[in-house]
Protein backbone atom coordinates (compact mmCIF):
# COMPACT_ATOMS: atom_id res chain seq x y z
CA MET A 1 113.90 153.74 -89.71
CA THR A 2 115.39 154.52 -86.35
CA ARG A 3 116.44 158.05 -85.53
CA GLN A 4 120.12 157.02 -85.54
CA THR A 5 119.79 155.32 -88.95
CA TYR A 6 117.98 158.38 -90.32
CA LYS A 7 120.79 160.66 -89.11
CA ARG A 8 123.42 158.45 -90.76
CA PHE A 9 121.38 158.27 -93.96
CA SER A 10 120.98 162.05 -94.01
CA ALA A 11 124.68 162.62 -93.35
CA ALA A 12 125.61 160.26 -96.18
CA LEU A 13 123.25 162.05 -98.56
CA ILE A 14 124.66 165.45 -97.63
CA ALA A 15 128.21 164.19 -98.17
CA ALA A 16 127.20 162.76 -101.54
CA SER A 17 125.58 166.04 -102.56
CA LEU A 18 128.72 167.97 -101.79
CA SER A 19 130.88 165.52 -103.73
CA ILE A 20 128.82 166.03 -106.90
CA GLY A 21 128.41 169.76 -106.47
CA LEU A 22 124.79 170.00 -105.37
CA PRO A 23 123.79 172.08 -102.36
CA ALA A 24 123.54 170.03 -99.18
CA ALA A 25 120.01 171.37 -98.63
CA VAL A 26 118.81 169.52 -101.73
CA PHE A 27 119.66 166.19 -100.14
CA ALA A 28 118.61 167.13 -96.64
CA ASP A 29 115.16 168.04 -97.92
CA GLY A 30 115.13 165.00 -100.20
CA ALA A 31 115.99 162.67 -97.33
CA ALA A 32 113.18 164.08 -95.20
CA LEU A 33 110.74 163.83 -98.11
CA TYR A 34 111.84 160.30 -98.87
CA LYS A 35 111.30 159.29 -95.26
CA ALA A 36 107.86 160.93 -95.19
CA ARG A 37 106.54 159.94 -98.62
CA CYS A 38 108.48 156.94 -99.93
CA ALA A 39 110.04 154.82 -97.19
CA ALA A 40 106.77 153.17 -96.12
CA CYS A 41 106.70 151.25 -99.42
CA HIS A 42 110.23 151.54 -100.80
CA ALA A 43 112.01 151.03 -97.42
CA ALA A 44 114.61 153.33 -95.89
CA ASP A 45 117.34 151.77 -98.02
CA GLY A 46 115.30 151.66 -101.25
CA SER A 47 115.10 147.85 -101.21
CA GLY A 48 111.29 147.70 -101.22
CA ASN A 49 111.59 145.31 -98.29
CA THR A 50 108.50 146.46 -96.40
CA PRO A 51 105.09 144.79 -96.06
CA ALA A 52 103.57 147.31 -98.47
CA GLY A 53 106.53 147.08 -100.85
CA LYS A 54 106.36 143.28 -100.92
CA ASN A 55 102.60 143.39 -101.45
CA MET A 56 102.97 145.76 -104.41
CA LYS A 57 106.11 144.02 -105.75
CA VAL A 58 108.18 147.21 -105.53
CA LYS A 59 111.49 146.93 -107.38
CA PRO A 60 114.61 147.89 -105.42
CA PHE A 61 116.20 151.17 -106.48
CA ALA A 62 119.51 149.29 -106.75
CA SER A 63 118.06 146.98 -109.44
CA ALA A 64 119.24 147.28 -113.02
CA ASP A 65 115.71 148.25 -114.12
CA ALA A 66 115.55 151.17 -111.69
CA GLN A 67 119.11 152.35 -112.31
CA LYS A 68 118.70 152.41 -116.09
CA CYS A 69 115.83 154.90 -115.76
CA THR A 70 116.74 158.45 -116.66
CA ASP A 71 116.15 161.30 -114.24
CA ALA A 72 113.29 162.42 -116.50
CA GLU A 73 111.69 158.97 -116.29
CA LEU A 74 111.97 158.88 -112.49
CA THR A 75 110.55 162.41 -112.33
CA LYS A 76 107.58 161.31 -114.46
CA VAL A 77 106.89 158.28 -112.24
CA ILE A 78 107.02 160.39 -109.09
CA SER A 79 104.86 163.10 -110.67
CA ASP A 80 102.29 160.92 -112.44
CA GLY A 81 102.42 157.73 -110.37
CA LYS A 82 102.72 154.23 -111.77
CA GLY A 83 100.68 151.13 -111.03
CA LYS A 84 99.66 151.35 -107.38
CA MET A 85 102.05 154.21 -106.66
CA PRO A 86 100.17 157.49 -106.21
CA ALA A 87 100.97 160.62 -108.21
CA TYR A 88 102.84 163.33 -106.32
CA GLY A 89 102.96 165.96 -109.07
CA LYS A 90 100.30 168.11 -107.42
CA LYS A 91 101.54 167.48 -103.87
CA LEU A 92 105.25 168.24 -104.37
CA THR A 93 107.10 171.03 -106.11
CA ALA A 94 109.43 170.39 -109.04
CA ALA A 95 112.39 171.06 -106.73
CA GLU A 96 111.12 168.53 -104.20
CA ILE A 97 110.68 165.89 -106.89
CA LYS A 98 114.19 166.65 -108.16
CA SER A 99 115.53 166.15 -104.64
CA LEU A 100 113.78 162.77 -104.43
CA VAL A 101 115.37 161.71 -107.72
CA ALA A 102 118.76 162.71 -106.28
CA VAL A 103 118.09 160.57 -103.19
CA ILE A 104 117.06 157.60 -105.35
CA ARG A 105 120.31 157.94 -107.31
CA THR A 106 122.29 157.36 -104.11
CA MET A 107 120.59 153.98 -103.56
CA LYS A 108 122.75 151.93 -105.92
């Protein structure tokens, strides 16, 4: 993700957070976490269109399967891992995981 794309992505997430009543900091932190922890496999746009994502057959976050997951189910996957995805429950706080779920929800 280029710096310019990251800035646009972050600005869009902050605007989305304000429109649904969440503090902008939740999305700003979530966007940074997503870039650091998730984008290498899931891609900046959540498409899974990366070498690692293709290799692991990552489903796009915009897919019906991903969108039908509840926030609790997404939280569990991030916390406990799934398939080849590592568990982040001991590496991230509950608030950080919640912010990642919020970021994923914007990738429809």
